[in-house]
Amino acid sequence: MQALSGWINSYDFPSPDGEIVETKIDDTKGCRNVQLLKRQGRSWFDGEMYVYYTPTHWRPIAGGTTDGK
């Protein structure tokens, strides 16, 4: 499920709903948009702001995840 880098493919294994995780887009154009986001259903949020993309990968925040509160 998880590569040695700790990144998990978000299409194969979605992140826990409502938890803040570290995310990125990593495709043929390279690695970008590395940031903390929270998934709610099929949508992703940076705090209260909706982001207009779906990360390709995620991993738990170092030291544990939070519930976003």
Protein backbone atom coordinates (compact mmCIF):
# COMPACT_ATOMS: atom_id res chain seq x y z
CA MET A 1 0.00 0.00 0.00
CA GLN A 2 2.78 2.43 0.88
CA ALA A 3 6.04 3.20 -0.87
CA LEU A 4 9.27 3.61 1.10
CA SER A 5 8.84 7.39 0.88
CA GLY A 6 5.62 7.11 2.88
CA TRP A 7 3.45 8.54 0.09
CA ILE A 8 0.17 6.72 -0.60
CA ASN A 9 -1.63 6.83 -3.95
CA SER A 10 -4.83 8.75 -3.23
CA TYR A 11 -6.75 7.06 -6.06
CA ASP A 12 -6.06 3.55 -4.75
CA PHE A 13 -6.23 4.38 -1.03
CA PRO A 14 -8.08 7.62 -0.20
CA SER A 15 -6.96 9.51 2.89
CA PRO A 16 -9.14 9.32 6.03
CA ASP A 17 -12.16 11.58 5.59
CA GLY A 18 -11.95 14.74 7.72
CA GLU A 19 -8.28 14.34 8.71
CA ILE A 20 -5.52 16.74 7.74
CA VAL A 21 -2.77 14.99 5.77
CA GLU A 22 0.25 16.04 3.73
CA THR A 23 -0.56 15.95 0.01
CA LYS A 24 1.13 16.43 -3.35
CA ILE A 25 0.64 16.09 -7.08
CA ASP A 26 3.33 13.87 -8.59
CA ASP A 27 2.96 13.04 -12.27
CA THR A 28 4.84 13.39 -15.57
CA LYS A 29 5.13 17.15 -14.96
CA GLY A 30 6.96 16.54 -11.68
CA CYS A 31 6.19 16.97 -8.01
CA ARG A 32 4.21 20.07 -6.99
CA ASN A 33 1.49 21.44 -4.73
CA VAL A 34 2.95 19.87 -1.58
CA GLN A 35 0.74 21.06 1.28
CA LEU A 36 -1.51 20.06 4.14
CA LEU A 37 -5.09 19.41 3.07
CA LYS A 38 -8.23 17.83 4.47
CA ARG A 39 -10.46 15.59 2.36
CA GLN A 40 -14.23 15.77 2.81
CA GLY A 41 -15.92 13.31 0.50
CA ARG A 42 -14.47 13.94 -2.96
CA SER A 43 -13.42 17.52 -2.17
CA TRP A 44 -10.13 18.79 -0.70
CA PHE A 45 -9.70 21.84 1.54
CA ASP A 46 -6.85 24.07 2.68
CA GLY A 47 -8.42 25.18 5.95
CA GLU A 48 -11.85 26.41 4.91
CA MET A 49 -10.82 27.09 1.30
CA TYR A 50 -11.65 24.54 -1.42
CA VAL A 51 -8.76 23.61 -3.72
CA TYR A 52 -9.47 23.08 -7.41
CA TYR A 53 -7.43 19.92 -7.86
CA THR A 54 -7.20 16.38 -6.51
CA PRO A 55 -3.85 15.38 -5.03
CA THR A 56 -2.31 12.22 -6.48
CA HIS A 57 -0.62 11.23 -3.21
CA TRP A 58 -0.94 11.73 0.54
CA ARG A 59 0.74 10.68 3.78
CA PRO A 60 0.03 11.16 7.46
CA ILE A 61 1.48 14.25 9.06
CA ALA A 62 4.80 13.55 10.80
CA GLY A 63 4.09 13.03 14.48
CA GLY A 64 0.48 12.00 13.89
CA THR A 65 -2.60 13.37 12.20
CA THR A 66 -5.16 15.78 13.55
CA ASP A 67 -8.90 15.94 13.18
CA GLY A 68 -8.70 19.38 11.59
CA LYS A 69 -10.15 21.30 14.56
